[in-house]
N, C-alpha and C. Protein backbone atom coordinates (compact mmCIF):
# COMPACT_ATOMS: atom_id res chain seq x y z
N UNK A 1 0.87 -1.15 -0.14
CA UNK A 1 -0.06 -0.02 -0.04
C UNK A 1 0.87 1.31 -0.07
N UNK A 2 2.13 1.09 0.17
CA UNK A 2 3.04 2.31 0.34
C UNK A 2 2.97 3.23 -0.87
N UNK A 3 2.88 2.44 -2.15
CA UNK A 3 2.93 3.27 -3.32
C UNK A 3 1.56 3.94 -3.51
N UNK A 4 0.56 3.42 -3.11
CA UNK A 4 -0.86 4.01 -3.06
C UNK A 4 -0.85 5.30 -2.27
N UNK A 5 -0.20 5.21 -1.05
CA UNK A 5 -0.12 6.20 -0.04
C UNK A 5 0.69 7.36 -0.57
N UNK A 6 1.89 7.03 -1.16
CA UNK A 6 2.69 8.02 -1.74
C UNK A 6 1.93 8.73 -2.92
N UNK A 7 1.15 7.97 -3.71
CA UNK A 7 0.49 8.48 -4.74
C UNK A 7 -0.62 9.52 -4.29
N UNK A 8 -1.19 9.20 -3.15
CA UNK A 8 -2.18 10.17 -2.57
C UNK A 8 -1.58 11.31 -1.99
N UNK A 9 -0.23 11.24 -1.65
CA UNK A 9 0.49 12.45 -1.18
C UNK A 9 0.95 13.32 -2.21
N UNK A 10 1.44 12.70 -3.37
CA UNK A 10 2.05 13.48 -4.36
C UNK A 10 1.13 13.86 -5.37
N UNK A 11 -0.01 13.14 -5.66
CA UNK A 11 -0.92 13.44 -6.71
C UNK A 11 -1.58 14.90 -6.48
N UNK A 12 -1.98 15.34 -5.25
CA UNK A 12 -2.46 16.68 -5.03
C UNK A 12 -1.46 17.78 -5.39
N UNK A 13 -0.21 17.44 -5.05
CA UNK A 13 0.83 18.53 -5.45
C UNK A 13 0.99 18.71 -6.98
N UNK A 14 0.86 17.53 -7.69
CA UNK A 14 0.91 17.68 -9.22
C UNK A 14 -0.45 18.35 -9.65
N UNK A 15 -1.47 18.13 -9.07
CA UNK A 15 -2.78 18.75 -9.48
C UNK A 15 -2.67 20.22 -9.30
N UNK A 16 -2.05 20.70 -8.11
CA UNK A 16 -2.08 22.14 -7.76
C UNK A 16 -1.05 22.88 -8.55
N UNK A 17 -0.10 22.16 -9.24
CA UNK A 17 0.79 22.73 -10.05
C UNK A 17 2.16 23.00 -9.22
N UNK A 18 2.19 22.50 -7.90
CA UNK A 18 3.39 22.80 -7.15
C UNK A 18 4.42 21.79 -7.71
N UNK A 19 4.13 20.65 -8.29
CA UNK A 19 5.08 19.91 -8.72
C UNK A 19 4.73 19.42 -10.15
N UNK A 20 5.43 19.87 -11.09
CA UNK A 20 5.13 19.65 -12.57
C UNK A 20 5.21 18.17 -12.86
N UNK A 21 4.23 17.71 -13.61
CA UNK A 21 4.16 16.25 -13.98
C UNK A 21 5.49 15.87 -14.60
N UNK A 22 6.24 16.70 -15.40
CA UNK A 22 7.49 16.34 -16.02
C UNK A 22 8.64 16.12 -14.96
N UNK A 23 8.37 16.60 -13.72
CA UNK A 23 9.42 16.39 -12.74
C UNK A 23 9.46 14.93 -12.25
N UNK A 24 8.35 14.14 -12.69
CA UNK A 24 8.29 12.88 -12.10
C UNK A 24 9.48 11.93 -12.58
N UNK A 25 9.80 12.24 -13.66
CA UNK A 25 11.07 11.36 -14.25
C UNK A 25 12.18 11.54 -13.28
N UNK A 26 12.59 12.74 -12.95
CA UNK A 26 13.77 12.90 -11.99
C UNK A 26 13.45 12.45 -10.61
N UNK A 27 12.28 12.66 -10.18
CA UNK A 27 11.78 12.12 -8.74
C UNK A 27 11.99 10.75 -8.68
N UNK A 28 11.47 9.97 -9.69
CA UNK A 28 11.35 8.58 -9.61
C UNK A 28 12.67 7.84 -10.01
N UNK A 29 13.61 8.45 -10.48
CA UNK A 29 14.77 7.87 -10.96
C UNK A 29 15.40 6.97 -9.89
N UNK A 30 15.52 7.35 -8.70
CA UNK A 30 16.17 6.47 -7.68
C UNK A 30 15.36 5.12 -7.29
N UNK A 31 14.12 5.19 -7.72
CA UNK A 31 13.12 4.14 -7.35
C UNK A 31 13.32 2.80 -8.45
N UNK A 32 14.04 3.03 -9.44
CA UNK A 32 14.35 2.09 -10.52
C UNK A 32 13.08 1.24 -10.73
N UNK A 33 13.05 0.06 -10.20
CA UNK A 33 11.97 -0.95 -10.59
C UNK A 33 10.54 -0.61 -10.16
N UNK A 34 10.42 0.33 -9.19
CA UNK A 34 9.04 0.66 -8.75
C UNK A 34 8.68 1.98 -9.20
N UNK A 35 9.41 2.61 -9.92
CA UNK A 35 9.02 4.05 -10.42
C UNK A 35 7.66 3.98 -11.09
N UNK A 36 7.50 3.00 -11.99
CA UNK A 36 6.19 3.01 -12.70
C UNK A 36 4.96 2.75 -11.82
N UNK A 37 5.30 1.98 -10.70
CA UNK A 37 4.00 1.73 -9.85
C UNK A 37 3.66 3.08 -9.19
N UNK A 38 4.74 3.87 -8.81
CA UNK A 38 4.43 5.03 -8.12
C UNK A 38 3.74 6.11 -9.09
N UNK A 39 4.18 6.17 -10.33
CA UNK A 39 3.56 7.02 -11.15
C UNK A 39 2.16 6.69 -11.56
N UNK A 40 1.99 5.40 -11.61
CA UNK A 40 0.48 4.82 -11.85
C UNK A 40 -0.29 5.27 -10.57
N UNK A 41 0.26 5.23 -9.42
CA UNK A 41 -0.63 5.55 -8.16
C UNK A 41 -0.88 7.12 -8.11
N UNK A 42 0.16 7.94 -8.59
CA UNK A 42 -0.12 9.36 -8.66
C UNK A 42 -1.20 9.64 -9.59
N UNK A 43 -1.16 9.04 -10.80
CA UNK A 43 -2.17 9.35 -11.90
C UNK A 43 -3.53 8.91 -11.48
N UNK A 44 -3.52 7.70 -10.79
CA UNK A 44 -4.74 7.16 -10.16
C UNK A 44 -5.38 8.18 -9.27
N UNK A 45 -4.62 8.65 -8.30
CA UNK A 45 -5.07 9.56 -7.30
C UNK A 45 -5.70 10.89 -8.10
N UNK A 46 -4.81 11.32 -9.05
CA UNK A 46 -5.42 12.45 -9.61
C UNK A 46 -6.66 12.36 -10.48
N UNK A 47 -6.86 11.15 -10.95
CA UNK A 47 -8.06 10.89 -11.60
C UNK A 47 -9.32 10.95 -10.85
N UNK A 48 -9.17 10.83 -9.57
CA UNK A 48 -10.37 10.96 -8.69
C UNK A 48 -10.90 12.26 -8.65
N UNK A 49 -10.03 13.37 -8.82
CA UNK A 49 -10.42 14.70 -8.71
C UNK A 49 -10.63 15.31 -10.16
N UNK A 50 -9.71 15.02 -11.04
CA UNK A 50 -9.76 15.54 -12.35
C UNK A 50 -10.36 14.76 -13.31
N UNK A 51 -10.57 13.43 -13.11
CA UNK A 51 -11.21 12.63 -14.13
C UNK A 51 -10.12 11.95 -15.05
N UNK A 52 -10.47 10.75 -15.72
CA UNK A 52 -9.45 10.17 -16.45
C UNK A 52 -9.03 10.91 -17.83
N UNK A 53 -9.94 11.55 -18.30
CA UNK A 53 -9.83 12.31 -19.54
C UNK A 53 -8.73 13.33 -19.32
N UNK A 54 -8.96 14.24 -18.27
CA UNK A 54 -8.04 15.34 -18.00
C UNK A 54 -6.66 14.84 -17.70
N UNK A 55 -6.53 13.80 -16.88
CA UNK A 55 -5.24 13.26 -16.40
C UNK A 55 -4.57 12.54 -17.73
N UNK A 56 -5.31 12.02 -18.64
CA UNK A 56 -4.69 11.49 -19.91
C UNK A 56 -4.21 12.80 -20.71
N UNK A 57 -4.96 13.93 -20.80
CA UNK A 57 -4.40 15.08 -21.49
C UNK A 57 -3.17 15.57 -20.96
N UNK A 58 -3.18 15.63 -19.62
CA UNK A 58 -2.03 16.08 -18.90
C UNK A 58 -0.73 15.11 -19.16
N UNK A 59 -0.99 13.82 -19.11
CA UNK A 59 0.12 12.84 -19.40
C UNK A 59 0.66 13.11 -20.93
N UNK A 60 -0.27 13.27 -21.87
CA UNK A 60 0.16 13.41 -23.15
C UNK A 60 0.86 14.76 -23.37
N UNK A 61 0.44 15.77 -22.75
CA UNK A 61 1.08 17.13 -22.92
C UNK A 61 2.45 17.17 -22.27
N UNK A 62 2.68 16.25 -21.27
CA UNK A 62 3.84 16.32 -20.61
C UNK A 62 5.04 15.70 -21.40
N UNK A 63 4.71 14.81 -22.45
CA UNK A 63 5.61 14.15 -23.32
C UNK A 63 6.44 13.08 -22.48
N UNK A 64 5.79 12.59 -21.27
CA UNK A 64 6.44 11.45 -20.70
C UNK A 64 5.95 10.27 -21.31
N UNK A 65 6.78 9.28 -21.10
CA UNK A 65 6.43 7.92 -21.65
C UNK A 65 6.59 6.79 -20.47
N UNK A 66 5.77 5.90 -20.65
CA UNK A 66 5.87 4.70 -19.55
C UNK A 66 7.20 4.14 -19.51
N UNK A 67 7.82 4.09 -20.67
CA UNK A 67 9.22 3.40 -20.73
C UNK A 67 10.16 4.34 -19.93
N UNK A 68 9.98 5.58 -19.64
CA UNK A 68 10.83 6.46 -18.78
C UNK A 68 10.86 5.79 -17.27
N UNK A 69 9.74 5.08 -16.89
CA UNK A 69 9.54 4.67 -15.47
C UNK A 69 9.69 3.11 -15.26
N UNK A 70 9.78 2.35 -16.35
CA UNK A 70 9.86 0.91 -16.29
C UNK A 70 11.33 0.37 -16.42
N UNK A 71 11.49 -0.88 -16.05
CA UNK A 71 12.76 -1.57 -16.32
C UNK A 71 12.91 -1.72 -17.77
N UNK A 72 14.10 -1.79 -18.25
CA UNK A 72 14.48 -1.75 -19.69
C UNK A 72 13.66 -2.77 -20.43
N UNK A 73 13.48 -4.00 -19.97
CA UNK A 73 12.85 -5.10 -20.70
C UNK A 73 11.46 -5.34 -20.35
N UNK A 74 10.88 -4.43 -19.41
CA UNK A 74 9.52 -4.52 -18.89
C UNK A 74 8.51 -4.18 -20.12
N UNK A 75 7.55 -5.07 -20.27
CA UNK A 75 6.51 -4.86 -21.33
C UNK A 75 5.55 -3.76 -20.87
N UNK A 76 5.51 -2.56 -21.68
CA UNK A 76 4.64 -1.55 -21.27
C UNK A 76 3.17 -1.89 -21.33
N UNK A 77 2.72 -2.51 -22.38
CA UNK A 77 1.31 -2.90 -22.35
C UNK A 77 0.93 -3.82 -21.06
N UNK A 78 1.67 -4.80 -20.80
CA UNK A 78 1.38 -5.71 -19.75
C UNK A 78 1.46 -4.78 -18.39
N UNK A 79 2.37 -3.93 -18.16
CA UNK A 79 2.31 -3.02 -17.06
C UNK A 79 1.08 -2.16 -16.97
N UNK A 80 0.70 -1.54 -18.04
CA UNK A 80 -0.57 -0.72 -18.02
C UNK A 80 -1.74 -1.60 -17.81
N UNK A 81 -1.84 -2.78 -18.33
CA UNK A 81 -3.04 -3.52 -17.92
C UNK A 81 -3.10 -3.89 -16.45
N UNK A 82 -1.92 -4.13 -15.85
CA UNK A 82 -1.77 -4.50 -14.38
C UNK A 82 -1.92 -3.27 -13.50
N UNK A 83 -1.55 -2.12 -13.78
CA UNK A 83 -1.41 -1.07 -12.95
C UNK A 83 -2.23 0.27 -13.25
N UNK A 84 -2.80 0.37 -14.50
CA UNK A 84 -3.40 1.76 -14.86
C UNK A 84 -4.78 1.43 -15.23
N UNK A 85 -5.46 0.39 -14.75
CA UNK A 85 -6.82 0.13 -15.18
C UNK A 85 -7.67 1.13 -14.41
N UNK A 86 -7.13 1.82 -13.14
CA UNK A 86 -7.96 2.84 -12.42
C UNK A 86 -9.26 2.35 -12.10
N UNK A 87 -9.35 1.19 -11.52
CA UNK A 87 -10.67 0.67 -10.98
C UNK A 87 -11.68 0.00 -11.98
N UNK A 88 -11.52 0.14 -13.29
CA UNK A 88 -12.57 -0.42 -14.06
C UNK A 88 -12.74 -1.86 -14.11
N UNK A 89 -11.56 -2.57 -13.62
CA UNK A 89 -11.53 -4.01 -13.64
C UNK A 89 -11.91 -4.59 -12.27
N UNK A 90 -12.31 -3.68 -11.37
CA UNK A 90 -12.62 -4.14 -10.01
C UNK A 90 -13.72 -5.30 -9.91
N UNK A 91 -13.54 -6.22 -9.03
CA UNK A 91 -14.47 -7.18 -8.84
C UNK A 91 -14.45 -7.54 -7.27
N UNK A 92 -15.48 -8.09 -6.76
CA UNK A 92 -15.52 -8.51 -5.33
C UNK A 92 -15.26 -9.96 -5.23
N UNK A 93 -14.32 -10.30 -4.26
CA UNK A 93 -14.00 -11.61 -3.96
C UNK A 93 -14.90 -11.92 -2.70
N UNK A 94 -16.01 -12.61 -3.04
CA UNK A 94 -17.08 -12.91 -2.20
C UNK A 94 -16.58 -13.72 -0.98
N UNK A 95 -15.60 -14.52 -1.13
CA UNK A 95 -15.16 -15.43 -0.07
C UNK A 95 -14.35 -14.52 1.06
N UNK A 96 -13.61 -13.62 0.36
CA UNK A 96 -12.96 -12.68 1.25
C UNK A 96 -13.82 -11.89 2.16
N UNK A 97 -14.99 -11.40 1.39
CA UNK A 97 -15.97 -10.62 2.13
C UNK A 97 -16.66 -11.40 3.28
N UNK A 98 -17.05 -12.63 2.97
CA UNK A 98 -17.57 -13.52 3.96
C UNK A 98 -16.71 -13.87 5.13
N UNK A 99 -15.51 -13.81 4.87
CA UNK A 99 -14.56 -14.06 5.99
C UNK A 99 -14.52 -12.89 7.03
N UNK A 100 -14.95 -11.78 6.53
CA UNK A 100 -14.95 -10.50 7.35
C UNK A 100 -16.19 -10.14 7.94
N UNK A 101 -17.25 -10.81 7.61
CA UNK A 101 -18.63 -10.54 8.07
C UNK A 101 -18.71 -10.50 9.54
N UNK A 102 -18.04 -11.33 10.22
CA UNK A 102 -18.30 -11.29 11.66
C UNK A 102 -17.77 -9.95 12.25
N UNK A 103 -16.67 -9.51 11.68
CA UNK A 103 -16.14 -8.13 12.11
C UNK A 103 -17.10 -7.04 11.87
N UNK A 104 -17.61 -7.12 10.62
CA UNK A 104 -18.54 -6.09 10.21
C UNK A 104 -19.83 -6.17 11.01
N UNK A 105 -20.39 -7.40 11.38
CA UNK A 105 -21.51 -7.48 12.19
C UNK A 105 -21.33 -6.93 13.59
N UNK A 106 -20.00 -7.13 14.06
CA UNK A 106 -19.80 -6.61 15.42
C UNK A 106 -19.99 -5.04 15.55
N UNK A 107 -19.57 -4.34 14.50
CA UNK A 107 -19.66 -2.95 14.33
C UNK A 107 -21.08 -2.47 14.07
N UNK A 108 -21.73 -3.05 13.12
CA UNK A 108 -23.03 -2.65 12.69
C UNK A 108 -24.07 -3.19 13.71
N UNK A 109 -23.83 -4.27 14.51
CA UNK A 109 -24.74 -4.67 15.46
C UNK A 109 -26.21 -4.57 15.32
N UNK A 110 -26.67 -4.90 14.09
CA UNK A 110 -27.99 -4.72 13.66
C UNK A 110 -28.74 -3.48 14.03
N UNK A 111 -28.00 -2.45 14.09
CA UNK A 111 -28.64 -1.08 14.28
C UNK A 111 -28.73 -0.53 12.84
N UNK A 112 -30.12 -0.12 12.55
CA UNK A 112 -30.40 0.51 11.27
C UNK A 112 -29.52 1.67 10.83
N UNK A 113 -29.29 2.52 11.81
CA UNK A 113 -28.51 3.81 11.48
C UNK A 113 -27.11 3.47 11.03
N UNK A 114 -26.41 2.40 11.72
CA UNK A 114 -25.11 1.95 11.36
C UNK A 114 -25.16 1.28 9.92
N UNK A 115 -26.19 0.52 9.82
CA UNK A 115 -26.33 -0.32 8.54
C UNK A 115 -26.53 0.73 7.35
N UNK A 116 -27.32 1.73 7.48
CA UNK A 116 -27.42 2.74 6.58
C UNK A 116 -26.12 3.49 6.24
N UNK A 117 -25.31 3.89 7.22
CA UNK A 117 -24.03 4.44 6.92
C UNK A 117 -22.97 3.48 6.20
N UNK A 118 -23.18 2.20 6.39
CA UNK A 118 -22.40 1.19 5.66
C UNK A 118 -22.80 1.21 4.32
N UNK A 119 -24.08 1.33 3.92
CA UNK A 119 -24.60 1.28 2.56
C UNK A 119 -24.12 2.68 1.87
N UNK A 120 -24.03 3.74 2.65
CA UNK A 120 -23.55 5.06 2.03
C UNK A 120 -22.05 4.90 1.82
N UNK A 121 -21.30 4.28 2.75
CA UNK A 121 -19.88 4.05 2.51
C UNK A 121 -19.62 3.24 1.22
N UNK A 122 -20.48 2.13 1.00
CA UNK A 122 -20.41 1.37 -0.25
C UNK A 122 -20.68 2.20 -1.37
N UNK A 123 -21.74 3.04 -1.41
CA UNK A 123 -22.00 3.90 -2.46
C UNK A 123 -20.87 4.85 -2.76
N UNK A 124 -20.18 5.39 -1.80
CA UNK A 124 -19.00 6.30 -1.79
C UNK A 124 -17.82 5.50 -2.63
N UNK A 125 -17.63 4.19 -2.07
CA UNK A 125 -16.60 3.40 -2.68
C UNK A 125 -16.73 3.20 -4.11
N UNK A 126 -18.00 2.61 -4.54
CA UNK A 126 -18.32 2.36 -6.00
C UNK A 126 -18.15 3.67 -6.84
N UNK A 127 -18.47 4.74 -6.21
CA UNK A 127 -18.34 6.05 -6.91
C UNK A 127 -17.10 6.52 -7.15
N UNK A 128 -16.21 6.25 -6.22
CA UNK A 128 -14.71 6.49 -6.39
C UNK A 128 -14.06 5.68 -7.42
N UNK A 129 -14.62 4.43 -7.40
CA UNK A 129 -14.09 3.31 -8.40
C UNK A 129 -14.63 3.50 -9.82
N UNK A 130 -15.55 4.55 -9.89
CA UNK A 130 -16.21 4.72 -11.10
C UNK A 130 -17.21 3.74 -11.59
N UNK A 131 -17.88 3.11 -10.61
CA UNK A 131 -18.94 2.22 -10.76
C UNK A 131 -18.68 1.07 -11.59
N UNK A 132 -17.64 0.15 -11.15
CA UNK A 132 -17.43 -1.07 -11.86
C UNK A 132 -18.62 -1.88 -11.89
N UNK A 133 -18.83 -2.64 -12.92
CA UNK A 133 -19.97 -3.47 -12.99
C UNK A 133 -20.22 -4.51 -11.89
N UNK A 134 -21.37 -4.64 -11.34
CA UNK A 134 -21.84 -5.67 -10.38
C UNK A 134 -20.97 -5.68 -9.10
N UNK A 135 -20.20 -4.71 -8.72
CA UNK A 135 -19.67 -4.59 -7.53
C UNK A 135 -20.63 -4.28 -6.35
N UNK A 136 -21.43 -3.21 -6.61
CA UNK A 136 -22.45 -2.86 -5.54
C UNK A 136 -23.29 -3.94 -5.48
N UNK A 137 -23.91 -4.53 -6.48
CA UNK A 137 -24.81 -5.53 -6.39
C UNK A 137 -24.33 -6.75 -5.65
N UNK A 138 -23.07 -7.12 -5.87
CA UNK A 138 -22.46 -8.26 -5.04
C UNK A 138 -22.42 -7.98 -3.61
N UNK A 139 -22.11 -6.72 -3.21
CA UNK A 139 -22.03 -6.39 -1.79
C UNK A 139 -23.44 -6.56 -1.22
N UNK A 140 -24.46 -5.96 -1.94
CA UNK A 140 -25.82 -5.86 -1.44
C UNK A 140 -26.33 -7.30 -1.40
N UNK A 141 -26.09 -8.10 -2.41
CA UNK A 141 -26.55 -9.51 -2.16
C UNK A 141 -25.89 -10.31 -1.04
N UNK A 142 -24.73 -10.21 -0.85
CA UNK A 142 -23.95 -10.85 0.19
C UNK A 142 -24.35 -10.32 1.63
N UNK A 143 -24.53 -9.01 1.79
CA UNK A 143 -24.88 -8.42 3.03
C UNK A 143 -26.30 -8.78 3.37
N UNK A 144 -27.23 -8.96 2.39
CA UNK A 144 -28.55 -9.37 2.62
C UNK A 144 -28.65 -10.79 2.96
N UNK A 145 -27.95 -11.69 2.18
CA UNK A 145 -28.06 -13.05 2.28
C UNK A 145 -27.42 -13.49 3.62
N UNK A 146 -26.39 -12.79 4.09
CA UNK A 146 -25.71 -13.09 5.35
C UNK A 146 -26.28 -12.45 6.67
N UNK A 147 -27.49 -11.63 6.39
CA UNK A 147 -28.13 -11.04 7.42
C UNK A 147 -27.20 -9.96 8.14
N UNK A 148 -26.48 -9.17 7.43
CA UNK A 148 -25.59 -8.13 7.84
C UNK A 148 -26.38 -6.89 7.86
N UNK A 149 -27.19 -6.65 6.79
CA UNK A 149 -27.92 -5.35 6.67
C UNK A 149 -29.32 -5.78 6.55
N UNK A 150 -30.19 -5.12 7.20
CA UNK A 150 -31.60 -5.39 7.16
C UNK A 150 -32.41 -4.85 5.94
N UNK A 151 -33.54 -5.40 5.69
CA UNK A 151 -34.37 -4.88 4.56
C UNK A 151 -34.73 -3.50 4.79
N UNK A 152 -35.04 -3.09 6.03
CA UNK A 152 -35.35 -1.73 6.31
C UNK A 152 -34.17 -0.71 5.87
N UNK A 153 -32.96 -1.05 6.36
CA UNK A 153 -31.88 -0.27 5.98
C UNK A 153 -31.66 -0.11 4.52
N UNK A 154 -31.93 -1.14 3.74
CA UNK A 154 -31.73 -1.16 2.28
C UNK A 154 -32.87 -0.25 1.74
N UNK A 155 -34.15 -0.35 2.25
CA UNK A 155 -35.10 0.51 1.75
C UNK A 155 -34.84 1.94 2.15
N UNK A 156 -34.26 2.18 3.26
CA UNK A 156 -33.97 3.68 3.75
C UNK A 156 -32.89 4.20 2.76
N UNK A 157 -31.96 3.33 2.44
CA UNK A 157 -30.86 3.86 1.48
C UNK A 157 -31.54 4.19 0.08
N UNK A 158 -32.43 3.30 -0.41
CA UNK A 158 -33.06 3.52 -1.68
C UNK A 158 -33.80 4.80 -1.78
N UNK A 159 -34.55 5.00 -0.55
CA UNK A 159 -35.48 6.21 -0.67
C UNK A 159 -34.76 7.59 -0.13
N UNK A 160 -33.61 7.43 0.37
CA UNK A 160 -32.90 8.50 0.94
C UNK A 160 -32.72 9.66 -0.12
N UNK A 161 -32.97 10.84 0.45
CA UNK A 161 -32.62 12.10 -0.46
C UNK A 161 -31.70 13.09 0.19
N UNK A 162 -30.98 12.50 1.27
CA UNK A 162 -30.01 13.33 2.02
C UNK A 162 -28.96 13.99 1.12
N UNK A 163 -28.98 15.29 1.02
CA UNK A 163 -28.11 15.92 -0.07
C UNK A 163 -26.53 15.62 0.32
N UNK A 164 -26.30 15.34 1.49
CA UNK A 164 -24.89 15.07 1.77
C UNK A 164 -24.44 13.70 1.28
N UNK A 165 -25.37 12.80 0.89
CA UNK A 165 -25.14 11.44 0.48
C UNK A 165 -25.63 11.11 -0.95
N UNK A 166 -25.47 12.15 -1.78
CA UNK A 166 -25.96 11.96 -3.14
C UNK A 166 -24.86 11.74 -4.16
N UNK A 167 -23.50 11.84 -3.81
CA UNK A 167 -22.48 11.56 -4.80
C UNK A 167 -22.63 10.32 -5.34
N UNK A 168 -22.91 10.07 -6.59
CA UNK A 168 -22.97 8.79 -7.29
C UNK A 168 -24.28 7.92 -7.04
N UNK A 169 -25.20 8.56 -6.26
CA UNK A 169 -26.43 7.90 -5.78
C UNK A 169 -27.14 7.32 -7.01
N UNK A 170 -27.32 8.18 -8.12
CA UNK A 170 -28.13 7.82 -9.23
C UNK A 170 -27.62 6.60 -9.91
N UNK A 171 -26.34 6.67 -10.22
CA UNK A 171 -25.72 5.38 -10.99
C UNK A 171 -25.76 4.16 -10.09
N UNK A 172 -25.50 4.41 -8.77
CA UNK A 172 -25.48 3.30 -7.81
C UNK A 172 -26.81 2.66 -7.66
N UNK A 173 -27.90 3.45 -7.72
CA UNK A 173 -29.29 2.92 -7.64
C UNK A 173 -29.49 2.10 -8.89
N UNK A 174 -29.09 2.64 -10.10
CA UNK A 174 -29.34 1.98 -11.36
C UNK A 174 -28.66 0.64 -11.32
N UNK A 175 -27.42 0.49 -10.80
CA UNK A 175 -26.67 -0.71 -10.66
C UNK A 175 -27.37 -1.76 -9.86
N UNK A 176 -28.19 -1.43 -8.85
CA UNK A 176 -28.87 -2.46 -8.08
C UNK A 176 -30.27 -2.40 -8.18
N UNK A 177 -30.83 -2.11 -9.46
CA UNK A 177 -32.38 -2.19 -9.64
C UNK A 177 -32.88 -3.56 -9.42
N UNK A 178 -32.21 -4.53 -10.00
CA UNK A 178 -32.62 -5.89 -9.95
C UNK A 178 -32.63 -6.36 -8.44
N UNK A 179 -31.70 -5.90 -7.55
CA UNK A 179 -31.70 -6.30 -6.25
C UNK A 179 -32.96 -5.83 -5.54
N UNK A 180 -33.33 -4.49 -5.83
CA UNK A 180 -34.49 -3.91 -5.21
C UNK A 180 -35.73 -4.45 -5.74
N UNK A 181 -35.81 -4.77 -6.96
CA UNK A 181 -36.90 -5.45 -7.66
C UNK A 181 -37.26 -6.74 -6.82
N UNK A 182 -36.18 -7.49 -6.67
CA UNK A 182 -36.33 -8.88 -6.08
C UNK A 182 -36.73 -8.49 -4.58
N UNK A 183 -36.08 -7.63 -3.82
CA UNK A 183 -36.41 -7.36 -2.46
C UNK A 183 -37.84 -6.97 -2.26
N UNK A 184 -38.41 -6.07 -3.08
CA UNK A 184 -39.80 -5.62 -3.03
C UNK A 184 -40.79 -6.76 -3.39
N UNK A 185 -40.38 -7.63 -4.31
CA UNK A 185 -41.27 -8.77 -4.63
C UNK A 185 -41.27 -9.64 -3.48
N UNK A 186 -40.07 -9.94 -2.87
CA UNK A 186 -40.18 -10.76 -1.71
C UNK A 186 -40.95 -10.31 -0.42
N UNK A 187 -40.93 -8.91 -0.27
CA UNK A 187 -41.53 -8.27 0.79
C UNK A 187 -43.14 -8.35 0.57
N UNK A 188 -43.50 -8.24 -0.81
CA UNK A 188 -45.03 -8.39 -1.15
C UNK A 188 -45.39 -9.78 -0.82
N UNK A 189 -44.61 -10.84 -1.30
CA UNK A 189 -45.02 -12.23 -1.08
C UNK A 189 -45.07 -12.57 0.42
N UNK A 190 -44.15 -11.99 1.32
CA UNK A 190 -44.32 -12.19 2.73
C UNK A 190 -45.49 -11.54 3.26
N UNK A 191 -45.88 -10.41 2.72
CA UNK A 191 -47.12 -9.80 3.33
C UNK A 191 -48.36 -10.52 3.01
N UNK A 192 -48.39 -11.05 1.85
CA UNK A 192 -49.51 -11.82 1.24
C UNK A 192 -49.74 -13.10 2.02
N UNK A 193 -48.57 -13.73 2.47
CA UNK A 193 -48.56 -14.94 3.37
C UNK A 193 -49.10 -14.73 4.72
N UNK A 194 -48.89 -13.44 5.26
CA UNK A 194 -49.30 -13.14 6.57
C UNK A 194 -50.69 -13.11 6.84
């Protein structure tokens, strides 16, 4: 995580113009084999604020090349696939999530206000990752199936219009339409059976 943290420290300095993008070649020279990883982390951090298109424009105008930061025989295309996807290839490892559910349950403690905050945190996460396909849906399915987050909390999240929690909400809701369709149908069936 050190390269990510350094990227988060250096990225804002490049964005603000305190550190020209072109100076990265000189700064990263002592890092030899890890220079490319650091540059990828810096660009990734910048893309959260500026967006991928603007960062791409800055990169092209700087006339920097990935080969400036990689080992002489390292394949540029392979490096880019591995390090510069900027979240678009994200997926959820359900088994790892399930292994951590006990810890999550300890903190949420079946309290709707905490469960709702957890849903907002997931919304923020997928927004920062630029809404990778099925990530939010997988979390919602897993948290519902494992009884980590209640139906009421999911419904509150869906209906919420809290202005402080609207970043990425529209796209997030669209990505979980099927989850809520299923949830509402299940609620209607249980009411008919009662």
